[in-house]
Amino acid sequence: MIDMKNTKASTESTLVAQDMVEEYPYGLRIRLGNEELAKLGIKEMPAIDTEMKLTALVCVIGISQSDSADGEPYRSVELQIEQMSLAPAKEEDNSATAKALYPTMLA
């Protein structure tokens, strides 16, 4: 799995006070309401800091790339989660099938 935590360099470049900078980018948060929790079969709320496994089918709904004279091009991909499942976290499955289906996640 790839750690998506903000780097020190990315947090230093913001105009927000350092004590207000989030550990992970806001766009990585997903909020599940009553209807979504019911669809996922979650009847009791998990405790804060409980790790869970999220599997999702997403659709690319937007792409963008822009160049600048003073650095690397900025690239982004916007994903719409279309289907998902949520389960308690388990040890990584390092089977041949998992490696074939998710090569970048098991590197």
PDB file of N, CA and C in Angstrom:
ATOM      1  N   MET A   1       0.843  -1.182   0.000  1.00  0.00           N
ATOM      2  CA  MET A   1       0.000   0.000   0.000  1.00  0.00           C
ATOM      3  C   MET A   1       0.886   1.242   0.000  1.00  0.00           C
ATOM      4  N   ILE A   2       0.382   2.303  -0.553  1.00  0.00           N
ATOM      5  CA  ILE A   2       1.110   3.559  -0.631  1.00  0.00           C
ATOM      6  C   ILE A   2       0.579   4.503   0.435  1.00  0.00           C
ATOM      7  N   ASP A   3       1.476   5.084   1.236  1.00  0.00           N
ATOM      8  CA  ASP A   3       1.092   6.034   2.280  1.00  0.00           C
ATOM      9  C   ASP A   3       0.819   7.387   1.639  1.00  0.00           C
ATOM     10  N   MET A   4      -0.394   7.903   1.788  1.00  0.00           N
ATOM     11  CA  MET A   4      -0.802   9.165   1.170  1.00  0.00           C
ATOM     12  C   MET A   4      -0.664  10.359   2.114  1.00  0.00           C
ATOM     13  N   LYS A   5       0.060  10.198   3.225  1.00  0.00           N
ATOM     14  CA  LYS A   5       0.247  11.276   4.203  1.00  0.00           C
ATOM     15  C   LYS A   5       0.919  12.478   3.549  1.00  0.00           C
ATOM     16  N   ASN A   6       0.494  13.690   3.928  1.00  0.00           N
ATOM     17  CA  ASN A   6       1.129  14.910   3.432  1.00  0.00           C
ATOM     18  C   ASN A   6       2.610  14.899   3.793  1.00  0.00           C
ATOM     19  N   THR A   7       3.436  15.355   2.862  1.00  0.00           N
ATOM     20  CA  THR A   7       4.861  15.461   3.134  1.00  0.00           C
ATOM     21  C   THR A   7       5.151  16.793   3.801  1.00  0.00           C
ATOM     22  N   LYS A   8       6.297  16.899   4.446  1.00  0.00           N
ATOM     23  CA  LYS A   8       6.674  18.148   5.099  1.00  0.00           C
ATOM     24  C   LYS A   8       6.743  19.278   4.076  1.00  0.00           C
ATOM     25  N   ALA A   9       7.294  19.000   2.902  1.00  0.00           N
ATOM     26  CA  ALA A   9       7.412  20.030   1.858  1.00  0.00           C
ATOM     27  C   ALA A   9       6.047  20.546   1.429  1.00  0.00           C
ATOM     28  N   SER A  10       5.053  19.652   1.284  1.00  0.00           N
ATOM     29  CA  SER A  10       3.735  20.101   0.835  1.00  0.00           C
ATOM     30  C   SER A  10       3.010  20.902   1.911  1.00  0.00           C
ATOM     31  N   THR A  11       3.261  20.617   3.181  1.00  0.00           N
ATOM     32  CA  THR A  11       2.582  21.366   4.240  1.00  0.00           C
ATOM     33  C   THR A  11       3.254  22.706   4.507  1.00  0.00           C
ATOM     34  N   GLU A  12       4.539  22.819   4.222  1.00  0.00           N
ATOM     35  CA  GLU A  12       5.241  24.091   4.429  1.00  0.00           C
ATOM     36  C   GLU A  12       4.848  25.134   3.395  1.00  0.00           C
ATOM     37  N   SER A  13       4.348  24.690   2.241  1.00  0.00           N
ATOM     38  CA  SER A  13       4.019  25.631   1.171  1.00  0.00           C
ATOM     39  C   SER A  13       2.613  26.216   1.292  1.00  0.00           C
ATOM     40  N   THR A  14       1.849  25.801   2.283  1.00  0.00           N
ATOM     41  CA  THR A  14       0.496  26.316   2.423  1.00  0.00           C
ATOM     42  C   THR A  14       0.490  27.630   3.192  1.00  0.00           C
ATOM     43  N   LEU A  15      -0.598  28.369   3.054  1.00  0.00           N
ATOM     44  CA  LEU A  15      -0.747  29.635   3.756  1.00  0.00           C
ATOM     45  C   LEU A  15      -1.443  29.460   5.100  1.00  0.00           C
ATOM     46  N   VAL A  16      -1.716  28.223   5.460  1.00  0.00           N
ATOM     47  CA  VAL A  16      -2.405  27.897   6.706  1.00  0.00           C
ATOM     48  C   VAL A  16      -1.369  27.672   7.800  1.00  0.00           C
ATOM     49  N   ALA A  17      -1.709  28.060   9.029  1.00  0.00           N
ATOM     50  CA  ALA A  17      -0.806  27.833  10.160  1.00  0.00           C
ATOM     51  C   ALA A  17      -0.487  26.347  10.267  1.00  0.00           C
ATOM     52  N   GLN A  18       0.769  26.025  10.581  1.00  0.00           N
ATOM     53  CA  GLN A  18       1.219  24.642  10.616  1.00  0.00           C
ATOM     54  C   GLN A  18       0.405  23.763  11.556  1.00  0.00           C
ATOM     55  N   ASP A  19      -0.078  24.297  12.658  1.00  0.00           N
ATOM     56  CA  ASP A  19      -0.859  23.478  13.585  1.00  0.00           C
ATOM     57  C   ASP A  19      -2.263  23.182  13.060  1.00  0.00           C
ATOM     58  N   MET A  20      -2.657  23.810  11.945  1.00  0.00           N
ATOM     59  CA  MET A  20      -3.967  23.574  11.350  1.00  0.00           C
ATOM     60  C   MET A  20      -3.895  22.672  10.120  1.00  0.00           C
ATOM     61  N   VAL A  21      -2.694  22.287   9.709  1.00  0.00           N
ATOM     62  CA  VAL A  21      -2.517  21.463   8.520  1.00  0.00           C
ATOM     63  C   VAL A  21      -2.910  20.025   8.843  1.00  0.00           C
ATOM     64  N   GLU A  22      -3.723  19.433   7.999  1.00  0.00           N
ATOM     65  CA  GLU A  22      -4.184  18.060   8.192  1.00  0.00           C
ATOM     66  C   GLU A  22      -3.078  17.069   7.833  1.00  0.00           C
ATOM     67  N   GLU A  23      -3.109  15.917   8.483  1.00  0.00           N
ATOM     68  CA  GLU A  23      -2.116  14.876   8.245  1.00  0.00           C
ATOM     69  C   GLU A  23      -2.245  14.286   6.836  1.00  0.00           C
ATOM     70  N   TYR A  24      -3.494  14.163   6.363  1.00  0.00           N
ATOM     71  CA  TYR A  24      -3.760  13.638   5.031  1.00  0.00           C
ATOM     72  C   TYR A  24      -4.583  14.658   4.252  1.00  0.00           C
ATOM     73  N   PRO A  25      -4.465  14.693   2.907  1.00  0.00           N
ATOM     74  CA  PRO A  25      -5.238  15.641   2.105  1.00  0.00           C
ATOM     75  C   PRO A  25      -6.742  15.463   2.303  1.00  0.00           C
ATOM     76  N   TYR A  26      -7.458  16.562   2.330  1.00  0.00           N
ATOM     77  CA  TYR A  26      -8.905  16.552   2.561  1.00  0.00           C
ATOM     78  C   TYR A  26      -9.629  15.683   1.537  1.00  0.00           C
ATOM     79  N   GLY A  27      -9.198  15.737   0.307  1.00  0.00           N
ATOM     80  CA  GLY A  27      -9.867  15.011  -0.770  1.00  0.00           C
ATOM     81  C   GLY A  27      -9.851  13.508  -0.616  1.00  0.00           C
ATOM     82  N   LEU A  28      -9.038  12.988   0.296  1.00  0.00           N
ATOM     83  CA  LEU A  28      -9.003  11.545   0.508  1.00  0.00           C
ATOM     84  C   LEU A  28     -10.045  11.081   1.508  1.00  0.00           C
ATOM     85  N   ARG A  29     -10.755  11.997   2.118  1.00  0.00           N
ATOM     86  CA  ARG A  29     -11.783  11.629   3.097  1.00  0.00           C
ATOM     87  C   ARG A  29     -13.074  11.266   2.402  1.00  0.00           C
ATOM     88  N   ILE A  30     -13.727  10.248   2.934  1.00  0.00           N
ATOM     89  CA  ILE A  30     -15.037   9.824   2.440  1.00  0.00           C
ATOM     90  C   ILE A  30     -15.965   9.824   3.637  1.00  0.00           C
ATOM     91  N   ARG A  31     -17.110  10.472   3.532  1.00  0.00           N
ATOM     92  CA  ARG A  31     -18.074  10.506   4.646  1.00  0.00           C
ATOM     93  C   ARG A  31     -19.243   9.594   4.289  1.00  0.00           C
ATOM     94  N   LEU A  32     -19.534   8.646   5.185  1.00  0.00           N
ATOM     95  CA  LEU A  32     -20.634   7.717   4.982  1.00  0.00           C
ATOM     96  C   LEU A  32     -21.777   8.087   5.920  1.00  0.00           C
ATOM     97  N   GLY A  33     -22.938   8.329   5.362  1.00  0.00           N
ATOM     98  CA  GLY A  33     -24.108   8.680   6.163  1.00  0.00           C
ATOM     99  C   GLY A  33     -24.943   7.454   6.489  1.00  0.00           C
ATOM    100  N   ASN A  34     -26.110   7.678   7.082  1.00  0.00           N
ATOM    101  CA  ASN A  34     -27.004   6.586   7.490  1.00  0.00           C
ATOM    102  C   ASN A  34     -27.289   5.610   6.359  1.00  0.00           C
ATOM    103  N   GLU A  35     -27.650   6.133   5.208  1.00  0.00           N
ATOM    104  CA  GLU A  35     -28.015   5.269   4.080  1.00  0.00           C
ATOM    105  C   GLU A  35     -26.834   4.424   3.622  1.00  0.00           C
ATOM    106  N   GLU A  36     -25.646   5.041   3.524  1.00  0.00           N
ATOM    107  CA  GLU A  36     -24.461   4.304   3.092  1.00  0.00           C
ATOM    108  C   GLU A  36     -24.056   3.238   4.116  1.00  0.00           C
ATOM    109  N   LEU A  37     -24.125   3.598   5.413  1.00  0.00           N
ATOM    110  CA  LEU A  37     -23.796   2.629   6.465  1.00  0.00           C
ATOM    111  C   LEU A  37     -24.756   1.445   6.429  1.00  0.00           C
ATOM    112  N   ALA A  38     -26.025   1.723   6.209  1.00  0.00           N
ATOM    113  CA  ALA A  38     -27.013   0.650   6.121  1.00  0.00           C
ATOM    114  C   ALA A  38     -26.721  -0.258   4.935  1.00  0.00           C
ATOM    115  N   LYS A  39     -26.402   0.325   3.774  1.00  0.00           N
ATOM    116  CA  LYS A  39     -26.081  -0.474   2.589  1.00  0.00           C
ATOM    117  C   LYS A  39     -24.869  -1.361   2.830  1.00  0.00           C
ATOM    118  N   LEU A  40     -23.913  -0.881   3.615  1.00  0.00           N
ATOM    119  CA  LEU A  40     -22.694  -1.641   3.901  1.00  0.00           C
ATOM    120  C   LEU A  40     -22.879  -2.624   5.053  1.00  0.00           C
ATOM    121  N   GLY A  41     -24.057  -2.618   5.670  1.00  0.00           N
ATOM    122  CA  GLY A  41     -24.337  -3.559   6.743  1.00  0.00           C
ATOM    123  C   GLY A  41     -23.693  -3.207   8.074  1.00  0.00           C
ATOM    124  N   ILE A  42     -23.343  -1.950   8.277  1.00  0.00           N
ATOM    125  CA  ILE A  42     -22.712  -1.514   9.528  1.00  0.00           C
ATOM    126  C   ILE A  42     -23.826  -1.062  10.477  1.00  0.00           C
ATOM    127  N   LYS A  43     -24.078  -1.887  11.487  1.00  0.00           N
ATOM    128  CA  LYS A  43     -25.159  -1.606  12.432  1.00  0.00           C
ATOM    129  C   LYS A  43     -24.650  -0.862  13.668  1.00  0.00           C
ATOM    130  N   GLU A  44     -23.443  -1.175  14.112  1.00  0.00           N
ATOM    131  CA  GLU A  44     -22.850  -0.499  15.270  1.00  0.00           C
ATOM    132  C   GLU A  44     -21.671   0.335  14.795  1.00  0.00           C
ATOM    133  N   MET A  45     -21.551   1.531  15.344  1.00  0.00           N
ATOM    134  CA  MET A  45     -20.476   2.424  14.936  1.00  0.00           C
ATOM    135  C   MET A  45     -19.122   1.888  15.401  1.00  0.00           C
ATOM    136  N   PRO A  46     -18.126   1.902  14.523  1.00  0.00           N
ATOM    137  CA  PRO A  46     -16.792   1.464  14.932  1.00  0.00           C
ATOM    138  C   PRO A  46     -16.156   2.516  15.835  1.00  0.00           C
ATOM    139  N   ALA A  47     -15.215   2.090  16.659  1.00  0.00           N
ATOM    140  CA  ALA A  47     -14.496   3.017  17.530  1.00  0.00           C
ATOM    141  C   ALA A  47     -13.550   3.882  16.698  1.00  0.00           C
ATOM    142  N   ILE A  48     -13.276   5.085  17.186  1.00  0.00           N
ATOM    143  CA  ILE A  48     -12.287   5.962  16.540  1.00  0.00           C
ATOM    144  C   ILE A  48     -10.964   5.208  16.489  1.00  0.00           C
ATOM    145  N   ASP A  49     -10.220   5.358  15.411  1.00  0.00           N
ATOM    146  CA  ASP A  49      -8.930   4.713  15.132  1.00  0.00           C
ATOM    147  C   ASP A  49      -9.060   3.242  14.746  1.00  0.00           C
ATOM    148  N   THR A  50     -10.278   2.718  14.582  1.00  0.00           N
ATOM    149  CA  THR A  50     -10.448   1.364  14.071  1.00  0.00           C
ATOM    150  C   THR A  50     -10.040   1.354  12.611  1.00  0.00           C
ATOM    151  N   GLU A  51      -9.168   0.418  12.233  1.00  0.00           N
ATOM    152  CA  GLU A  51      -8.772   0.298  10.837  1.00  0.00           C
ATOM    153  C   GLU A  51      -9.718  -0.660  10.140  1.00  0.00           C
ATOM    154  N   MET A  52     -10.112  -0.312   8.915  1.00  0.00           N
ATOM    155  CA  MET A  52     -11.007  -1.134   8.119  1.00  0.00           C
ATOM    156  C   MET A  52     -10.440  -1.229   6.718  1.00  0.00           C
ATOM    157  N   LYS A  53     -10.850  -2.235   5.975  1.00  0.00           N
ATOM    158  CA  LYS A  53     -10.404  -2.419   4.603  1.00  0.00           C
ATOM    159  C   LYS A  53     -11.489  -1.901   3.669  1.00  0.00           C
ATOM    160  N   LEU A  54     -11.129  -1.005   2.775  1.00  0.00           N
ATOM    161  CA  LEU A  54     -12.046  -0.435   1.795  1.00  0.00           C
ATOM    162  C   LEU A  54     -11.667  -0.962   0.420  1.00  0.00           C
ATOM    163  N   THR A  55     -12.623  -1.535  -0.269  1.00  0.00           N
ATOM    164  CA  THR A  55     -12.438  -1.965  -1.650  1.00  0.00           C
ATOM    165  C   THR A  55     -13.447  -1.187  -2.471  1.00  0.00           C
ATOM    166  N   ALA A  56     -12.998  -0.595  -3.555  1.00  0.00           N
ATOM    167  CA  ALA A  56     -13.910   0.257  -4.312  1.00  0.00           C
ATOM    168  C   ALA A  56     -13.726   0.102  -5.816  1.00  0.00           C
ATOM    169  N   LEU A  57     -14.820   0.241  -6.525  1.00  0.00           N
ATOM    170  CA  LEU A  57     -14.813   0.354  -7.974  1.00  0.00           C
ATOM    171  C   LEU A  57     -15.052   1.823  -8.264  1.00  0.00           C
ATOM    172  N   VAL A  58     -14.132   2.436  -8.961  1.00  0.00           N
ATOM    173  CA  VAL A  58     -14.250   3.861  -9.258  1.00  0.00           C
ATOM    174  C   VAL A  58     -14.278   4.077 -10.757  1.00  0.00           C
ATOM    175  N   CYS A  59     -14.811   5.214 -11.149  1.00  0.00           N
ATOM    176  CA  CYS A  59     -14.840   5.627 -12.543  1.00  0.00           C
ATOM    177  C   CYS A  59     -14.093   6.955 -12.649  1.00  0.00           C
ATOM    178  N   VAL A  60     -13.198   7.057 -13.611  1.00  0.00           N
ATOM    179  CA  VAL A  60     -12.500   8.317 -13.838  1.00  0.00           C
ATOM    180  C   VAL A  60     -13.493   9.278 -14.470  1.00  0.00           C
ATOM    181  N   ILE A  61     -13.743  10.406 -13.787  1.00  0.00           N
ATOM    182  CA  ILE A  61     -14.719  11.373 -14.314  1.00  0.00           C
ATOM    183  C   ILE A  61     -14.070  12.684 -14.726  1.00  0.00           C
ATOM    184  N   GLY A  62     -12.771  12.805 -14.485  1.00  0.00           N
ATOM    185  CA  GLY A  62     -12.083  14.011 -14.902  1.00  0.00           C
ATOM    186  C   GLY A  62     -10.574  13.829 -14.858  1.00  0.00           C
ATOM    187  N   ILE A  63      -9.904  14.412 -15.816  1.00  0.00           N
ATOM    188  CA  ILE A  63      -8.447  14.424 -15.801  1.00  0.00           C
ATOM    189  C   ILE A  63      -7.992  15.843 -16.121  1.00  0.00           C
ATOM    190  N   SER A  64      -6.840  16.202 -15.588  1.00  0.00           N
ATOM    191  CA  SER A  64      -6.319  17.540 -15.816  1.00  0.00           C
ATOM    192  C   SER A  64      -4.803  17.508 -15.757  1.00  0.00           C
ATOM    193  N   GLN A  65      -4.181  18.293 -16.598  1.00  0.00           N
ATOM    194  CA  GLN A  65      -2.735  18.459 -16.533  1.00  0.00           C
ATOM    195  C   GLN A  65      -2.412  19.869 -16.999  1.00  0.00           C
ATOM    196  N   SER A  66      -1.556  20.518 -16.236  1.00  0.00           N
ATOM    197  CA  SER A  66      -1.130  21.858 -16.644  1.00  0.00           C
ATOM    198  C   SER A  66       0.372  21.972 -16.435  1.00  0.00           C
ATOM    199  N   ASP A  67       1.008  22.704 -17.314  1.00  0.00           N
ATOM    200  CA  ASP A  67       2.445  22.908 -17.242  1.00  0.00           C
ATOM    201  C   ASP A  67       2.740  24.298 -16.699  1.00  0.00           C
ATOM    202  N   SER A  68       3.899  24.419 -16.046  1.00  0.00           N
ATOM    203  CA  SER A  68       4.329  25.730 -15.580  1.00  0.00           C
ATOM    204  C   SER A  68       5.790  25.915 -15.949  1.00  0.00           C
ATOM    205  N   ALA A  69       6.207  27.140 -16.048  1.00  0.00           N
ATOM    206  CA  ALA A  69       7.576  27.436 -16.449  1.00  0.00           C
ATOM    207  C   ALA A  69       8.587  27.087 -15.370  1.00  0.00           C
ATOM    208  N   ASP A  70       8.150  26.997 -14.130  1.00  0.00           N
ATOM    209  CA  ASP A  70       9.116  26.824 -13.040  1.00  0.00           C
ATOM    210  C   ASP A  70       9.050  25.471 -12.330  1.00  0.00           C
ATOM    211  N   GLY A  71       8.522  24.442 -12.965  1.00  0.00           N
ATOM    212  CA  GLY A  71       8.496  23.172 -12.260  1.00  0.00           C
ATOM    213  C   GLY A  71       7.811  22.055 -13.004  1.00  0.00           C
ATOM    214  N   GLU A  72       7.537  21.016 -12.251  1.00  0.00           N
ATOM    215  CA  GLU A  72       6.879  19.834 -12.785  1.00  0.00           C
ATOM    216  C   GLU A  72       5.442  20.156 -13.190  1.00  0.00           C
ATOM    217  N   PRO A  73       4.933  19.440 -14.187  1.00  0.00           N
ATOM    218  CA  PRO A  73       3.528  19.633 -14.533  1.00  0.00           C
ATOM    219  C   PRO A  73       2.635  19.176 -13.394  1.00  0.00           C
ATOM    220  N   TYR A  74       1.501  19.841 -13.219  1.00  0.00           N
ATOM    221  CA  TYR A  74       0.513  19.435 -12.222  1.00  0.00           C
ATOM    222  C   TYR A  74      -0.456  18.489 -12.910  1.00  0.00           C
ATOM    223  N   ARG A  75      -0.680  17.324 -12.308  1.00  0.00           N
ATOM    224  CA  ARG A  75      -1.605  16.357 -12.877  1.00  0.00           C
ATOM    225  C   ARG A  75      -2.631  15.964 -11.827  1.00  0.00           C
ATOM    226  N   SER A  76      -3.848  15.701 -12.258  1.00  0.00           N
ATOM    227  CA  SER A  76      -4.861  15.218 -11.321  1.00  0.00           C
ATOM    228  C   SER A  76      -5.845  14.309 -12.046  1.00  0.00           C
ATOM    229  N   VAL A  77      -6.410  13.398 -11.296  1.00  0.00           N
ATOM    230  CA  VAL A  77      -7.449  12.498 -11.778  1.00  0.00           C
ATOM    231  C   VAL A  77      -8.578  12.557 -10.768  1.00  0.00           C
ATOM    232  N   GLU A  78      -9.791  12.776 -11.237  1.00  0.00           N
ATOM    233  CA  GLU A  78     -10.955  12.799 -10.349  1.00  0.00           C
ATOM    234  C   GLU A  78     -11.701  11.483 -10.485  1.00  0.00           C
ATOM    235  N   LEU A  79     -11.931  10.840  -9.345  1.00  0.00           N
ATOM    236  CA  LEU A  79     -12.580   9.534  -9.332  1.00  0.00           C
ATOM    237  C   LEU A  79     -13.927   9.613  -8.652  1.00  0.00           C
ATOM    238  N   GLN A  80     -14.887   8.940  -9.211  1.00  0.00           N
ATOM    239  CA  GLN A  80     -16.195   8.802  -8.603  1.00  0.00           C
ATOM    240  C   GLN A  80     -16.311   7.373  -8.090  1.00  0.00           C
ATOM    241  N   ILE A  81     -16.452   7.200  -6.778  1.00  0.00           N
ATOM    242  CA  ILE A  81     -16.647   5.861  -6.245  1.00  0.00           C
ATOM    243  C   ILE A  81     -18.042   5.412  -6.643  1.00  0.00           C
ATOM    244  N   GLU A  82     -18.116   4.300  -7.356  1.00  0.00           N
ATOM    245  CA  GLU A  82     -19.402   3.786  -7.819  1.00  0.00           C
ATOM    246  C   GLU A  82     -19.877   2.585  -7.015  1.00  0.00           C
ATOM    247  N   GLN A  83     -18.970   1.741  -6.589  1.00  0.00           N
ATOM    248  CA  GLN A  83     -19.319   0.584  -5.777  1.00  0.00           C
ATOM    249  C   GLN A  83     -18.228   0.416  -4.734  1.00  0.00           C
ATOM    250  N   MET A  84     -18.596  -0.037  -3.524  1.00  0.00           N
ATOM    251  CA  MET A  84     -17.585  -0.234  -2.501  1.00  0.00           C
ATOM    252  C   MET A  84     -18.033  -1.266  -1.492  1.00  0.00           C
ATOM    253  N   SER A  85     -17.048  -1.810  -0.797  1.00  0.00           N
ATOM    254  CA  SER A  85     -17.333  -2.661   0.350  1.00  0.00           C
ATOM    255  C   SER A  85     -16.371  -2.259   1.452  1.00  0.00           C
ATOM    256  N   LEU A  86     -16.760  -2.495   2.679  1.00  0.00           N
ATOM    257  CA  LEU A  86     -15.967  -2.110   3.830  1.00  0.00           C
ATOM    258  C   LEU A  86     -15.970  -3.281   4.788  1.00  0.00           C
ATOM    259  N   ALA A  87     -14.787  -3.647   5.300  1.00  0.00           N
ATOM    260  CA  ALA A  87     -14.665  -4.800   6.197  1.00  0.00           C
ATOM    261  C   ALA A  87     -13.565  -4.521   7.211  1.00  0.00           C
ATOM    262  N   PRO A  88     -13.549  -5.288   8.297  1.00  0.00           N
ATOM    263  CA  PRO A  88     -12.448  -5.136   9.252  1.00  0.00           C
ATOM    264  C   PRO A  88     -11.108  -5.385   8.554  1.00  0.00           C
ATOM    265  N   ALA A  89     -10.068  -4.679   8.971  1.00  0.00           N
ATOM    266  CA  ALA A  89      -8.741  -4.832   8.375  1.00  0.00           C
ATOM    267  C   ALA A  89      -8.214  -6.228   8.681  1.00  0.00           C
ATOM    268  N   LYS A  90      -7.551  -6.820   7.709  1.00  0.00           N
ATOM    269  CA  LYS A  90      -6.920  -8.131   7.867  1.00  0.00           C
ATOM    270  C   LYS A  90      -5.495  -8.028   7.349  1.00  0.00           C
ATOM    271  N   GLU A  91      -4.699  -9.044   7.621  1.00  0.00           N
ATOM    272  CA  GLU A  91      -3.343  -9.060   7.084  1.00  0.00           C
ATOM    273  C   GLU A  91      -3.404  -9.044   5.573  1.00  0.00           C
ATOM    274  N   GLU A  92      -2.355  -8.475   4.960  1.00  0.00           N
ATOM    275  CA  GLU A  92      -2.280  -8.423   3.505  1.00  0.00           C
ATOM    276  C   GLU A  92      -2.362  -9.821   2.922  1.00  0.00           C
ATOM    277  N   ASP A  93      -3.108  -9.975   1.848  1.00  0.00           N
ATOM    278  CA  ASP A  93      -3.178 -11.237   1.127  1.00  0.00           C
ATOM    279  C   ASP A  93      -2.111 -11.195   0.052  1.00  0.00           C
ATOM    280  N   ASN A  94      -1.055 -11.947   0.238  1.00  0.00           N
ATOM    281  CA  ASN A  94       0.053 -11.949  -0.714  1.00  0.00           C
ATOM    282  C   ASN A  94      -0.026 -13.108  -1.691  1.00  0.00           C
ATOM    283  N   SER A  95      -1.220 -13.630  -1.927  1.00  0.00           N
ATOM    284  CA  SER A  95      -1.390 -14.730  -2.860  1.00  0.00           C
ATOM    285  C   SER A  95      -1.095 -14.266  -4.281  1.00  0.00           C
ATOM    286  N   ALA A  96      -0.879 -15.223  -5.158  1.00  0.00           N
ATOM    287  CA  ALA A  96      -0.599 -14.907  -6.559  1.00  0.00           C
ATOM    288  C   ALA A  96      -1.754 -14.150  -7.198  1.00  0.00           C
ATOM    289  N   THR A  97      -2.989 -14.508  -6.837  1.00  0.00           N
ATOM    290  CA  THR A  97      -4.161 -13.820  -7.388  1.00  0.00           C
ATOM    291  C   THR A  97      -4.184 -12.363  -6.963  1.00  0.00           C
ATOM    292  N   ALA A  98      -3.945 -12.096  -5.681  1.00  0.00           N
ATOM    293  CA  ALA A  98      -3.939 -10.728  -5.192  1.00  0.00           C
ATOM    294  C   ALA A  98      -2.841  -9.918  -5.861  1.00  0.00           C
ATOM    295  N   LYS A  99      -1.665 -10.504  -6.030  1.00  0.00           N
ATOM    296  CA  LYS A  99      -0.563  -9.799  -6.695  1.00  0.00           C
ATOM    297  C   LYS A  99      -0.906  -9.480  -8.151  1.00  0.00           C
ATOM    298  N   ALA A 100      -1.606 -10.404  -8.823  1.00  0.00           N
ATOM    299  CA  ALA A 100      -1.989 -10.165 -10.216  1.00  0.00           C
ATOM    300  C   ALA A 100      -3.038  -9.069 -10.315  1.00  0.00           C
ATOM    301  N   LEU A 101      -4.006  -9.049  -9.389  1.00  0.00           N
ATOM    302  CA  LEU A 101      -5.080  -8.067  -9.444  1.00  0.00           C
ATOM    303  C   LEU A 101      -4.664  -6.699  -8.938  1.00  0.00           C
ATOM    304  N   TYR A 102      -3.773  -6.662  -7.923  1.00  0.00           N
ATOM    305  CA  TYR A 102      -3.398  -5.414  -7.275  1.00  0.00           C
ATOM    306  C   TYR A 102      -1.883  -5.277  -7.185  1.00  0.00           C
ATOM    307  N   PRO A 103      -1.156  -5.230  -8.310  1.00  0.00           N
ATOM    308  CA  PRO A 103       0.309  -5.236  -8.264  1.00  0.00           C
ATOM    309  C   PRO A 103       0.903  -4.038  -7.543  1.00  0.00           C
ATOM    310  N   THR A 104       0.331  -2.865  -7.656  1.00  0.00           N
ATOM    311  CA  THR A 104       0.909  -1.689  -7.003  1.00  0.00           C
ATOM    312  C   THR A 104       0.601  -1.652  -5.512  1.00  0.00           C
ATOM    313  N   MET A 105      -0.466  -2.314  -5.093  1.00  0.00           N
ATOM    314  CA  MET A 105      -0.836  -2.314  -3.679  1.00  0.00           C
ATOM    315  C   MET A 105      -0.019  -3.293  -2.859  1.00  0.00           C
ATOM    316  N   LEU A 106       0.556  -4.292  -3.503  1.00  0.00           N
ATOM    317  CA  LEU A 106       1.290  -5.332  -2.780  1.00  0.00           C
ATOM    318  C   LEU A 106       2.779  -5.247  -3.029  1.00  0.00           C
ATOM    319  N   ALA A 107       3.253  -4.150  -3.577  1.00  0.00           N
ATOM    320  CA  ALA A 107       4.680  -3.999  -3.879  1.00  0.00           C
ATOM    321  C   ALA A 107       5.504  -3.918  -2.609  1.00  0.00           C
TER     322      ALA A 107
END
